[in-house]
PDB file of N, CA and C in Angstrom:
ATOM      1  N   MET A   1     -55.228   5.324 -30.810  1.00  0.00           N
ATOM      2  CA  MET A   1     -55.064   6.091 -29.529  1.00  0.00           C
ATOM      3  C   MET A   1     -56.233   7.145 -29.442  1.00  0.00           C
ATOM      4  N   ARG A   2     -56.883   7.242 -28.291  1.00  0.00           N
ATOM      5  CA  ARG A   2     -57.948   8.202 -28.142  1.00  0.00           C
ATOM      6  C   ARG A   2     -57.531   9.445 -27.687  1.00  0.00           C
ATOM      7  N   MET A   3     -58.187  10.562 -28.073  1.00  0.00           N
ATOM      8  CA  MET A   3     -57.883  11.917 -27.501  1.00  0.00           C
ATOM      9  C   MET A   3     -59.175  12.427 -27.016  1.00  0.00           C
ATOM     10  N   LYS A   4     -59.214  13.085 -25.813  1.00  0.00           N
ATOM     11  CA  LYS A   4     -60.328  13.783 -25.398  1.00  0.00           C
ATOM     12  C   LYS A   4     -60.391  15.169 -25.908  1.00  0.00           C
ATOM     13  N   MET A   5     -61.491  15.431 -26.593  1.00  0.00           N
ATOM     14  CA  MET A   5     -61.743  16.699 -27.175  1.00  0.00           C
ATOM     15  C   MET A   5     -63.305  17.067 -26.704  1.00  0.00           C
ATOM     16  N   MET A   6     -63.623  18.227 -27.370  1.00  0.00           N
ATOM     17  CA  MET A   6     -64.978  18.778 -26.955  1.00  0.00           C
ATOM     18  C   MET A   6     -65.810  18.907 -28.432  1.00  0.00           C
ATOM     19  N   CYS A   7     -67.007  18.718 -28.309  1.00  0.00           N
ATOM     20  CA  CYS A   7     -68.017  18.739 -29.507  1.00  0.00           C
ATOM     21  C   CYS A   7     -68.930  19.955 -29.012  1.00  0.00           C
ATOM     22  N   LEU A   8     -68.916  20.786 -29.919  1.00  0.00           N
ATOM     23  CA  LEU A   8     -69.729  22.027 -29.648  1.00  0.00           C
ATOM     24  C   LEU A   8     -70.850  21.970 -30.799  1.00  0.00           C
ATOM     25  N   THR A   9     -72.084  21.820 -30.417  1.00  0.00           N
ATOM     26  CA  THR A   9     -73.157  21.739 -31.357  1.00  0.00           C
ATOM     27  C   THR A   9     -74.044  22.895 -31.266  1.00  0.00           C
ATOM     28  N   ILE A  10     -74.313  23.474 -32.230  1.00  0.00           N
ATOM     29  CA  ILE A  10     -75.258  24.708 -32.527  1.00  0.00           C
ATOM     30  C   ILE A  10     -76.490  24.300 -33.401  1.00  0.00           C
ATOM     31  N   ARG A  11     -77.605  24.672 -32.748  1.00  0.00           N
ATOM     32  CA  ARG A  11     -78.754  24.312 -33.427  1.00  0.00           C
ATOM     33  C   ARG A  11     -79.442  25.719 -33.860  1.00  0.00           C
ATOM     34  N   ILE A  12     -79.612  25.950 -35.101  1.00  0.00           N
ATOM     35  CA  ILE A  12     -80.322  27.133 -35.603  1.00  0.00           C
ATOM     36  C   ILE A  12     -81.372  26.867 -36.749  1.00  0.00           C
ATOM     37  N   LYS A  13     -81.873  27.865 -37.280  1.00  0.00           N
ATOM     38  CA  LYS A  13     -82.624  27.695 -38.630  1.00  0.00           C
ATOM     39  C   LYS A  13     -81.904  28.188 -39.671  1.00  0.00           C
ATOM     40  N   ARG A  14     -82.147  27.609 -40.919  1.00  0.00           N
ATOM     41  CA  ARG A  14     -81.422  27.927 -42.026  1.00  0.00           C
ATOM     42  C   ARG A  14     -81.395  29.438 -42.307  1.00  0.00           C
ATOM     43  N   ASN A  15     -82.473  30.159 -42.039  1.00  0.00           N
ATOM     44  CA  ASN A  15     -82.669  31.491 -42.534  1.00  0.00           C
ATOM     45  C   ASN A  15     -82.217  32.563 -41.445  1.00  0.00           C
ATOM     46  N   ASP A  16     -81.880  32.134 -40.275  1.00  0.00           N
ATOM     47  CA  ASP A  16     -81.479  33.065 -39.214  1.00  0.00           C
ATOM     48  C   ASP A  16     -80.428  33.963 -39.735  1.00  0.00           C
ATOM     49  N   GLU A  17     -80.480  35.194 -39.244  1.00  0.00           N
ATOM     50  CA  GLU A  17     -79.466  36.218 -39.649  1.00  0.00           C
ATOM     51  C   GLU A  17     -79.125  36.987 -38.418  1.00  0.00           C
ATOM     52  N   PHE A  18     -77.796  37.635 -38.551  1.00  0.00           N
ATOM     53  CA  PHE A  18     -77.169  38.492 -37.447  1.00  0.00           C
ATOM     54  C   PHE A  18     -76.502  39.612 -38.392  1.00  0.00           C
ATOM     55  N   LYS A  19     -77.023  40.818 -38.128  1.00  0.00           N
ATOM     56  CA  LYS A  19     -76.576  41.948 -38.767  1.00  0.00           C
ATOM     57  C   LYS A  19     -76.648  41.812 -40.327  1.00  0.00           C
ATOM     58  N   HIS A  20     -77.884  41.244 -40.645  1.00  0.00           N
ATOM     59  CA  HIS A  20     -78.115  41.074 -42.301  1.00  0.00           C
ATOM     60  C   HIS A  20     -77.358  40.084 -42.826  1.00  0.00           C
ATOM     61  N   LYS A  21     -76.753  39.061 -42.199  1.00  0.00           N
ATOM     62  CA  LYS A  21     -76.003  37.962 -42.761  1.00  0.00           C
ATOM     63  C   LYS A  21     -76.345  36.742 -42.197  1.00  0.00           C
ATOM     64  N   ARG A  22     -76.439  35.515 -42.915  1.00  0.00           N
ATOM     65  CA  ARG A  22     -76.767  34.249 -42.513  1.00  0.00           C
ATOM     66  C   ARG A  22     -75.875  33.987 -41.374  1.00  0.00           C
ATOM     67  N   VAL A  23     -76.576  33.372 -40.187  1.00  0.00           N
ATOM     68  CA  VAL A  23     -75.889  32.939 -39.001  1.00  0.00           C
ATOM     69  C   VAL A  23     -74.963  31.855 -39.316  1.00  0.00           C
ATOM     70  N   ASN A  24     -75.259  30.856 -40.220  1.00  0.00           N
ATOM     71  CA  ASN A  24     -74.488  29.738 -40.483  1.00  0.00           C
ATOM     72  C   ASN A  24     -73.126  30.057 -41.079  1.00  0.00           C
ATOM     73  N   LYS A  25     -73.197  30.929 -42.040  1.00  0.00           N
ATOM     74  CA  LYS A  25     -72.013  31.504 -42.827  1.00  0.00           C
ATOM     75  C   LYS A  25     -71.263  32.260 -41.963  1.00  0.00           C
ATOM     76  N   LEU A  26     -71.671  33.110 -41.018  1.00  0.00           N
ATOM     77  CA  LEU A  26     -70.931  33.936 -39.992  1.00  0.00           C
ATOM     78  C   LEU A  26     -70.145  33.035 -39.144  1.00  0.00           C
ATOM     79  N   ILE A  27     -70.822  32.000 -38.606  1.00  0.00           N
ATOM     80  CA  ILE A  27     -70.193  31.079 -37.717  1.00  0.00           C
ATOM     81  C   ILE A  27     -69.057  30.242 -38.357  1.00  0.00           C
ATOM     82  N   ILE A  28     -69.229  29.903 -39.528  1.00  0.00           N
ATOM     83  CA  ILE A  28     -68.173  28.959 -40.337  1.00  0.00           C
ATOM     84  C   ILE A  28     -66.873  29.869 -40.527  1.00  0.00           C
ATOM     85  N   ASP A  29     -67.274  31.204 -41.078  1.00  0.00           N
ATOM     86  CA  ASP A  29     -66.075  32.132 -41.197  1.00  0.00           C
ATOM     87  C   ASP A  29     -65.485  32.371 -39.900  1.00  0.00           C
ATOM     88  N   PHE A  30     -66.172  32.628 -38.953  1.00  0.00           N
ATOM     89  CA  PHE A  30     -65.701  32.855 -37.541  1.00  0.00           C
ATOM     90  C   PHE A  30     -64.581  31.734 -37.062  1.00  0.00           C
ATOM     91  N   LEU A  31     -65.125  30.451 -37.095  1.00  0.00           N
ATOM     92  CA  LEU A  31     -64.389  29.252 -36.788  1.00  0.00           C
ATOM     93  C   LEU A  31     -63.165  29.252 -37.620  1.00  0.00           C
ATOM     94  N   MET A  32     -63.252  29.455 -38.799  1.00  0.00           N
ATOM     95  CA  MET A  32     -62.074  29.383 -39.854  1.00  0.00           C
ATOM     96  C   MET A  32     -60.897  30.498 -39.428  1.00  0.00           C
ATOM     97  N   LYS A  33     -61.438  31.591 -39.085  1.00  0.00           N
ATOM     98  CA  LYS A  33     -60.512  32.804 -38.813  1.00  0.00           C
ATOM     99  C   LYS A  33     -59.929  32.428 -37.446  1.00  0.00           C
ATOM    100  N   ASN A  34     -60.537  31.689 -36.518  1.00  0.00           N
ATOM    101  CA  ASN A  34     -59.937  31.337 -35.313  1.00  0.00           C
ATOM    102  C   ASN A  34     -59.182  29.899 -35.196  1.00  0.00           C
ATOM    103  N   LYS A  35     -59.000  29.497 -36.445  1.00  0.00           N
ATOM    104  CA  LYS A  35     -58.204  28.197 -36.755  1.00  0.00           C
ATOM    105  C   LYS A  35     -58.822  27.092 -36.017  1.00  0.00           C
ATOM    106  N   ILE A  36     -60.095  26.791 -35.922  1.00  0.00           N
ATOM    107  CA  ILE A  36     -60.746  25.562 -35.404  1.00  0.00           C
ATOM    108  C   ILE A  36     -60.413  24.580 -36.405  1.00  0.00           C
ATOM    109  N   SER A  37     -60.245  23.304 -35.697  1.00  0.00           N
ATOM    110  CA  SER A  37     -59.928  22.081 -36.564  1.00  0.00           C
ATOM    111  C   SER A  37     -60.964  21.781 -37.575  1.00  0.00           C
ATOM    112  N   GLY A  38     -62.197  21.893 -37.252  1.00  0.00           N
ATOM    113  CA  GLY A  38     -63.123  21.520 -38.427  1.00  0.00           C
ATOM    114  C   GLY A  38     -64.574  21.740 -37.899  1.00  0.00           C
ATOM    115  N   ALA A  39     -65.428  21.772 -38.722  1.00  0.00           N
ATOM    116  CA  ALA A  39     -66.814  22.079 -38.311  1.00  0.00           C
ATOM    117  C   ALA A  39     -67.667  21.462 -39.554  1.00  0.00           C
ATOM    118  N   THR A  40     -68.848  20.942 -39.215  1.00  0.00           N
ATOM    119  CA  THR A  40     -69.889  20.427 -40.281  1.00  0.00           C
ATOM    120  C   THR A  40     -71.128  20.984 -40.168  1.00  0.00           C
ATOM    121  N   VAL A  41     -71.684  21.599 -41.185  1.00  0.00           N
ATOM    122  CA  VAL A  41     -73.072  21.977 -41.160  1.00  0.00           C
ATOM    123  C   VAL A  41     -74.084  20.950 -41.720  1.00  0.00           C
ATOM    124  N   TRP A  42     -75.063  20.675 -40.925  1.00  0.00           N
ATOM    125  CA  TRP A  42     -75.991  19.737 -41.281  1.00  0.00           C
ATOM    126  C   TRP A  42     -77.315  20.494 -41.487  1.00  0.00           C
ATOM    127  N   THR A  43     -78.081  20.011 -42.549  1.00  0.00           N
ATOM    128  CA  THR A  43     -79.381  20.652 -42.794  1.00  0.00           C
ATOM    129  C   THR A  43     -80.413  19.626 -42.486  1.00  0.00           C
ATOM    130  N   GLY A  44     -81.357  19.943 -41.599  1.00  0.00           N
ATOM    131  CA  GLY A  44     -82.363  19.084 -41.267  1.00  0.00           C
ATOM    132  C   GLY A  44     -83.720  19.107 -42.144  1.00  0.00           C
ATOM    133  N   VAL A  45     -84.567  17.963 -42.026  1.00  0.00           N
ATOM    134  CA  VAL A  45     -85.780  17.985 -42.994  1.00  0.00           C
ATOM    135  C   VAL A  45     -86.866  18.670 -42.151  1.00  0.00           C
ATOM    136  N   ASP A  46     -86.968  18.351 -40.799  1.00  0.00           N
ATOM    137  CA  ASP A  46     -88.130  19.153 -40.044  1.00  0.00           C
ATOM    138  C   ASP A  46     -87.525  19.006 -38.588  1.00  0.00           C
ATOM    139  N   GLY A  47     -88.305  19.769 -37.716  1.00  0.00           N
ATOM    140  CA  GLY A  47     -88.064  19.987 -36.381  1.00  0.00           C
ATOM    141  C   GLY A  47     -88.774  21.022 -35.611  1.00  0.00           C
ATOM    142  N   PHE A  48     -88.666  21.000 -34.346  1.00  0.00           N
ATOM    143  CA  PHE A  48     -89.338  22.136 -33.621  1.00  0.00           C
ATOM    144  C   PHE A  48     -88.626  22.561 -32.321  1.00  0.00           C
ATOM    145  N   GLY A  49     -88.956  23.754 -31.782  1.00  0.00           N
ATOM    146  CA  GLY A  49     -88.206  24.153 -30.655  1.00  0.00           C
ATOM    147  C   GLY A  49     -89.092  25.102 -30.013  1.00  0.00           C
ATOM    148  N   LYS A  50     -88.268  25.956 -29.290  1.00  0.00           N
ATOM    149  CA  LYS A  50     -89.057  27.136 -28.599  1.00  0.00           C
ATOM    150  C   LYS A  50     -89.583  28.219 -29.605  1.00  0.00           C
ATOM    151  N   ARG A  51     -89.035  28.177 -30.844  1.00  0.00           N
ATOM    152  CA  ARG A  51     -89.638  29.016 -31.860  1.00  0.00           C
ATOM    153  C   ARG A  51     -90.514  28.268 -32.788  1.00  0.00           C
ATOM    154  N   ARG A  52     -91.283  27.304 -32.428  1.00  0.00           N
ATOM    155  CA  ARG A  52     -92.079  26.379 -33.141  1.00  0.00           C
ATOM    156  C   ARG A  52     -91.458  25.563 -34.071  1.00  0.00           C
ATOM    157  N   ARG A  53     -92.341  25.184 -35.251  1.00  0.00           N
ATOM    158  CA  ARG A  53     -91.761  24.314 -36.083  1.00  0.00           C
ATOM    159  C   ARG A  53     -90.648  24.905 -36.978  1.00  0.00           C
ATOM    160  N   SER A  54     -89.727  24.012 -37.539  1.00  0.00           N
ATOM    161  CA  SER A  54     -88.541  24.652 -38.263  1.00  0.00           C
ATOM    162  C   SER A  54     -88.871  24.462 -39.725  1.00  0.00           C
ATOM    163  N   THR A  55     -89.855  24.012 -40.221  1.00  0.00           N
ATOM    164  CA  THR A  55     -90.041  23.944 -41.868  1.00  0.00           C
ATOM    165  C   THR A  55     -91.169  24.705 -42.318  1.00  0.00           C
ATOM    166  N   ILE A  56     -91.163  25.147 -43.411  1.00  0.00           N
ATOM    167  CA  ILE A  56     -92.274  25.660 -44.088  1.00  0.00           C
ATOM    168  C   ILE A  56     -92.115  25.062 -45.484  1.00  0.00           C
ATOM    169  N   THR A  57     -93.206  24.468 -46.022  1.00  0.00           N
ATOM    170  CA  THR A  57     -93.246  23.878 -47.348  1.00  0.00           C
ATOM    171  C   THR A  57     -94.231  24.697 -48.184  1.00  0.00           C
ATOM    172  N   LEU A  58     -93.545  25.360 -49.439  1.00  0.00           N
ATOM    173  CA  LEU A  58     -94.408  26.042 -50.358  1.00  0.00           C
ATOM    174  C   LEU A  58     -94.232  25.461 -51.634  1.00  0.00           C
ATOM    175  N   GLU A  59     -95.289  24.855 -52.129  1.00  0.00           N
ATOM    176  CA  GLU A  59     -95.209  24.361 -53.532  1.00  0.00           C
ATOM    177  C   GLU A  59     -94.108  23.177 -53.619  1.00  0.00           C
ATOM    178  N   GLY A  60     -93.904  22.325 -52.705  1.00  0.00           N
ATOM    179  CA  GLY A  60     -92.949  21.315 -52.712  1.00  0.00           C
ATOM    180  C   GLY A  60     -91.474  21.849 -52.429  1.00  0.00           C
ATOM    181  N   ILE A  61     -91.127  23.064 -52.090  1.00  0.00           N
ATOM    182  CA  ILE A  61     -89.981  23.636 -51.673  1.00  0.00           C
ATOM    183  C   ILE A  61     -89.927  23.935 -50.179  1.00  0.00           C
ATOM    184  N   THR A  62     -88.969  23.277 -49.387  1.00  0.00           N
ATOM    185  CA  THR A  62     -88.876  23.574 -48.104  1.00  0.00           C
ATOM    186  C   THR A  62     -87.824  24.512 -47.698  1.00  0.00           C
ATOM    187  N   ILE A  63     -88.403  25.647 -46.830  1.00  0.00           N
ATOM    188  CA  ILE A  63     -87.395  26.649 -46.572  1.00  0.00           C
ATOM    189  C   ILE A  63     -87.326  26.746 -45.003  1.00  0.00           C
ATOM    190  N   ASN A  64     -86.279  27.474 -44.554  1.00  0.00           N
ATOM    191  CA  ASN A  64     -86.114  27.716 -43.113  1.00  0.00           C
ATOM    192  C   ASN A  64     -85.899  26.382 -42.301  1.00  0.00           C
ATOM    193  N   MET A  65     -85.320  25.465 -42.839  1.00  0.00           N
ATOM    194  CA  MET A  65     -85.061  24.099 -42.222  1.00  0.00           C
ATOM    195  C   MET A  65     -84.258  24.196 -41.005  1.00  0.00           C
ATOM    196  N   PRO A  66     -84.236  23.164 -40.283  1.00  0.00           N
ATOM    197  CA  PRO A  66     -83.418  23.310 -39.013  1.00  0.00           C
ATOM    198  C   PRO A  66     -81.942  22.947 -39.445  1.00  0.00           C
ATOM    199  N   MET A  67     -81.084  23.596 -38.717  1.00  0.00           N
ATOM    200  CA  MET A  67     -79.583  23.353 -39.157  1.00  0.00           C
ATOM    201  C   MET A  67     -78.806  23.291 -37.891  1.00  0.00           C
ATOM    202  N   ILE A  68     -77.870  22.054 -38.036  1.00  0.00           N
ATOM    203  CA  ILE A  68     -76.860  21.975 -37.043  1.00  0.00           C
ATOM    204  C   ILE A  68     -75.477  22.127 -37.443  1.00  0.00           C
ATOM    205  N   ILE A  69     -74.810  22.886 -36.683  1.00  0.00           N
ATOM    206  CA  ILE A  69     -73.289  23.098 -36.866  1.00  0.00           C
ATOM    207  C   ILE A  69     -72.694  22.379 -35.865  1.00  0.00           C
ATOM    208  N   GLU A  70     -71.839  21.276 -36.104  1.00  0.00           N
ATOM    209  CA  GLU A  70     -70.928  20.550 -35.072  1.00  0.00           C
ATOM    210  C   GLU A  70     -69.485  20.886 -35.313  1.00  0.00           C
ATOM    211  N   ILE A  71     -68.980  21.225 -34.351  1.00  0.00           N
ATOM    212  CA  ILE A  71     -67.589  21.673 -34.127  1.00  0.00           C
ATOM    213  C   ILE A  71     -66.686  20.804 -33.292  1.00  0.00           C
ATOM    214  N   ILE A  72     -65.660  20.197 -33.546  1.00  0.00           N
ATOM    215  CA  ILE A  72     -64.898  19.485 -32.705  1.00  0.00           C
ATOM    216  C   ILE A  72     -63.375  19.926 -32.775  1.00  0.00           C
ATOM    217  N   ASP A  73     -63.052  20.279 -31.342  1.00  0.00           N
ATOM    218  CA  ASP A  73     -61.575  20.673 -31.235  1.00  0.00           C
ATOM    219  C   ASP A  73     -61.273  20.681 -29.658  1.00  0.00           C
ATOM    220  N   GLU A  74     -60.102  21.251 -29.346  1.00  0.00           N
ATOM    221  CA  GLU A  74     -59.802  21.117 -27.862  1.00  0.00           C
ATOM    222  C   GLU A  74     -60.683  22.122 -27.141  1.00  0.00           C
ATOM    223  N   LYS A  75     -60.704  21.691 -25.774  1.00  0.00           N
ATOM    224  CA  LYS A  75     -61.519  22.592 -25.136  1.00  0.00           C
ATOM    225  C   LYS A  75     -60.800  23.990 -24.898  1.00  0.00           C
ATOM    226  N   SER A  76     -59.734  24.071 -24.945  1.00  0.00           N
ATOM    227  CA  SER A  76     -58.667  25.370 -24.766  1.00  0.00           C
ATOM    228  C   SER A  76     -58.912  26.258 -25.963  1.00  0.00           C
ATOM    229  N   LYS A  77     -59.404  25.561 -27.038  1.00  0.00           N
ATOM    230  CA  LYS A  77     -59.532  26.620 -28.250  1.00  0.00           C
ATOM    231  C   LYS A  77     -61.136  26.876 -28.427  1.00  0.00           C
ATOM    232  N   LEU A  78     -61.967  26.187 -27.887  1.00  0.00           N
ATOM    233  CA  LEU A  78     -63.261  26.414 -28.017  1.00  0.00           C
ATOM    234  C   LEU A  78     -63.773  27.397 -26.916  1.00  0.00           C
ATOM    235  N   GLU A  79     -63.622  27.120 -25.789  1.00  0.00           N
ATOM    236  CA  GLU A  79     -64.083  27.832 -24.649  1.00  0.00           C
ATOM    237  C   GLU A  79     -63.938  29.499 -24.946  1.00  0.00           C
ATOM    238  N   PRO A  80     -62.722  29.940 -25.308  1.00  0.00           N
ATOM    239  CA  PRO A  80     -62.686  31.406 -25.567  1.00  0.00           C
ATOM    240  C   PRO A  80     -63.651  31.976 -26.617  1.00  0.00           C
ATOM    241  N   LEU A  81     -64.138  31.089 -27.599  1.00  0.00           N
ATOM    242  CA  LEU A  81     -64.986  31.652 -28.598  1.00  0.00           C
ATOM    243  C   LEU A  81     -66.580  31.748 -28.274  1.00  0.00           C
ATOM    244  N   LEU A  82     -66.717  30.860 -27.022  1.00  0.00           N
ATOM    245  CA  LEU A  82     -68.227  30.776 -26.669  1.00  0.00           C
ATOM    246  C   LEU A  82     -68.861  32.161 -26.478  1.00  0.00           C
ATOM    247  N   PRO A  83     -68.357  33.287 -25.833  1.00  0.00           N
ATOM    248  CA  PRO A  83     -69.096  34.428 -25.704  1.00  0.00           C
ATOM    249  C   PRO A  83     -69.440  34.982 -27.126  1.00  0.00           C
ATOM    250  N   GLU A  84     -68.559  35.087 -28.052  1.00  0.00           N
ATOM    251  CA  GLU A  84     -68.930  35.740 -29.337  1.00  0.00           C
ATOM    252  C   GLU A  84     -69.856  34.811 -30.165  1.00  0.00           C
ATOM    253  N   LEU A  85     -69.676  33.420 -30.066  1.00  0.00           N
ATOM    254  CA  LEU A  85     -70.611  32.652 -30.763  1.00  0.00           C
ATOM    255  C   LEU A  85     -71.977  32.803 -30.314  1.00  0.00           C
ATOM    256  N   LYS A  86     -72.039  33.001 -28.864  1.00  0.00           N
ATOM    257  CA  LYS A  86     -73.654  33.325 -28.157  1.00  0.00           C
ATOM    258  C   LYS A  86     -74.264  34.696 -28.603  1.00  0.00           C
ATOM    259  N   MET A  87     -73.108  35.522 -28.838  1.00  0.00           N
ATOM    260  CA  MET A  87     -73.727  36.839 -29.458  1.00  0.00           C
ATOM    261  C   MET A  87     -74.168  36.809 -30.859  1.00  0.00           C
ATOM    262  N   ILE A  88     -73.594  36.019 -31.596  1.00  0.00           N
ATOM    263  CA  ILE A  88     -74.087  35.882 -33.027  1.00  0.00           C
ATOM    264  C   ILE A  88     -75.513  35.019 -33.051  1.00  0.00           C
ATOM    265  N   ILE A  89     -75.428  33.991 -32.243  1.00  0.00           N
ATOM    266  CA  ILE A  89     -76.642  32.991 -32.255  1.00  0.00           C
ATOM    267  C   ILE A  89     -77.816  33.769 -31.441  1.00  0.00           C
ATOM    268  N   ASP A  90     -77.547  34.570 -30.494  1.00  0.00           N
ATOM    269  CA  ASP A  90     -78.345  35.461 -29.547  1.00  0.00           C
ATOM    270  C   ASP A  90     -79.492  34.306 -29.173  1.00  0.00           C
ATOM    271  N   ASP A  91     -80.820  34.547 -29.234  1.00  0.00           N
ATOM    272  CA  ASP A  91     -81.608  33.722 -28.593  1.00  0.00           C
ATOM    273  C   ASP A  91     -82.373  32.792 -29.710  1.00  0.00           C
ATOM    274  N   ASN A  92     -81.806  32.859 -30.828  1.00  0.00           N
ATOM    275  CA  ASN A  92     -82.210  32.165 -32.105  1.00  0.00           C
ATOM    276  C   ASN A  92     -81.836  30.662 -32.123  1.00  0.00           C
ATOM    277  N   GLY A  93     -81.028  30.243 -31.246  1.00  0.00           N
ATOM    278  CA  GLY A  93     -80.554  28.883 -31.251  1.00  0.00           C
ATOM    279  C   GLY A  93     -80.151  28.244 -29.946  1.00  0.00           C
ATOM    280  N   LEU A  94     -79.473  27.108 -29.902  1.00  0.00           N
ATOM    281  CA  LEU A  94     -79.315  26.321 -28.851  1.00  0.00           C
ATOM    282  C   LEU A  94     -77.879  25.836 -28.944  1.00  0.00           C
ATOM    283  N   VAL A  95     -77.017  25.920 -27.938  1.00  0.00           N
ATOM    284  CA  VAL A  95     -75.608  25.604 -27.939  1.00  0.00           C
ATOM    285  C   VAL A  95     -75.442  24.619 -26.916  1.00  0.00           C
ATOM    286  N   THR A  96     -74.787  23.504 -27.271  1.00  0.00           N
ATOM    287  CA  THR A  96     -74.504  22.487 -26.280  1.00  0.00           C
ATOM    288  C   THR A  96     -73.012  22.071 -26.365  1.00  0.00           C
ATOM    289  N   ILE A  97     -72.406  21.678 -25.408  1.00  0.00           N
ATOM    290  CA  ILE A  97     -70.946  21.136 -25.426  1.00  0.00           C
ATOM    291  C   ILE A  97     -70.785  19.970 -24.764  1.00  0.00           C
ATOM    292  N   HIS A  98     -70.163  18.956 -25.197  1.00  0.00           N
ATOM    293  CA  HIS A  98     -69.852  17.756 -24.478  1.00  0.00           C
ATOM    294  C   HIS A  98     -68.462  17.272 -24.816  1.00  0.00           C
ATOM    295  N   GLU A  99     -67.936  16.475 -24.028  1.00  0.00           N
ATOM    296  CA  GLU A  99     -66.716  15.957 -24.184  1.00  0.00           C
ATOM    297  C   GLU A  99     -66.914  14.588 -25.109  1.00  0.00           C
ATOM    298  N   VAL A 100     -65.930  14.422 -26.121  1.00  0.00           N
ATOM    299  CA  VAL A 100     -65.951  13.305 -27.006  1.00  0.00           C
ATOM    300  C   VAL A 100     -64.605  12.631 -26.957  1.00  0.00           C
ATOM    301  N   ASP A 101     -64.455  11.294 -27.384  1.00  0.00           N
ATOM    302  CA  ASP A 101     -63.149  10.542 -27.666  1.00  0.00           C
ATOM    303  C   ASP A 101     -63.164  10.686 -29.212  1.00  0.00           C
ATOM    304  N   VAL A 102     -61.859  11.135 -29.644  1.00  0.00           N
ATOM    305  CA  VAL A 102     -61.556  11.164 -31.039  1.00  0.00           C
ATOM    306  C   VAL A 102     -60.493  10.035 -31.233  1.00  0.00           C
ATOM    307  N   ILE A 103     -60.805   9.097 -32.247  1.00  0.00           N
ATOM    308  CA  ILE A 103     -59.885   8.103 -32.493  1.00  0.00           C
ATOM    309  C   ILE A 103     -59.100   8.225 -33.813  1.00  0.00           C
TER     310      ILE A 103
END
């Protein structure tokens, strides 16, 4: 049986901070506190966007890689969280939302 749910995707950089804390950690803590069904944090190898390229390589170590946080839950649970998520992310990232079929 299929269920219609929403997929919220947040694109940031690994080193992005809000109030001296890593954005990805703040977002995960915020989602858990609000009893969201689940989220996955993906770290990318390379990328670019309005803030230019997302990787810096120093002696074989890659830092500030692109990161994607993917959240899937009911629209009624995600929509109220959007203003606070946008405040945390600010202009540092991109947020998209689309409907998905969950089986």
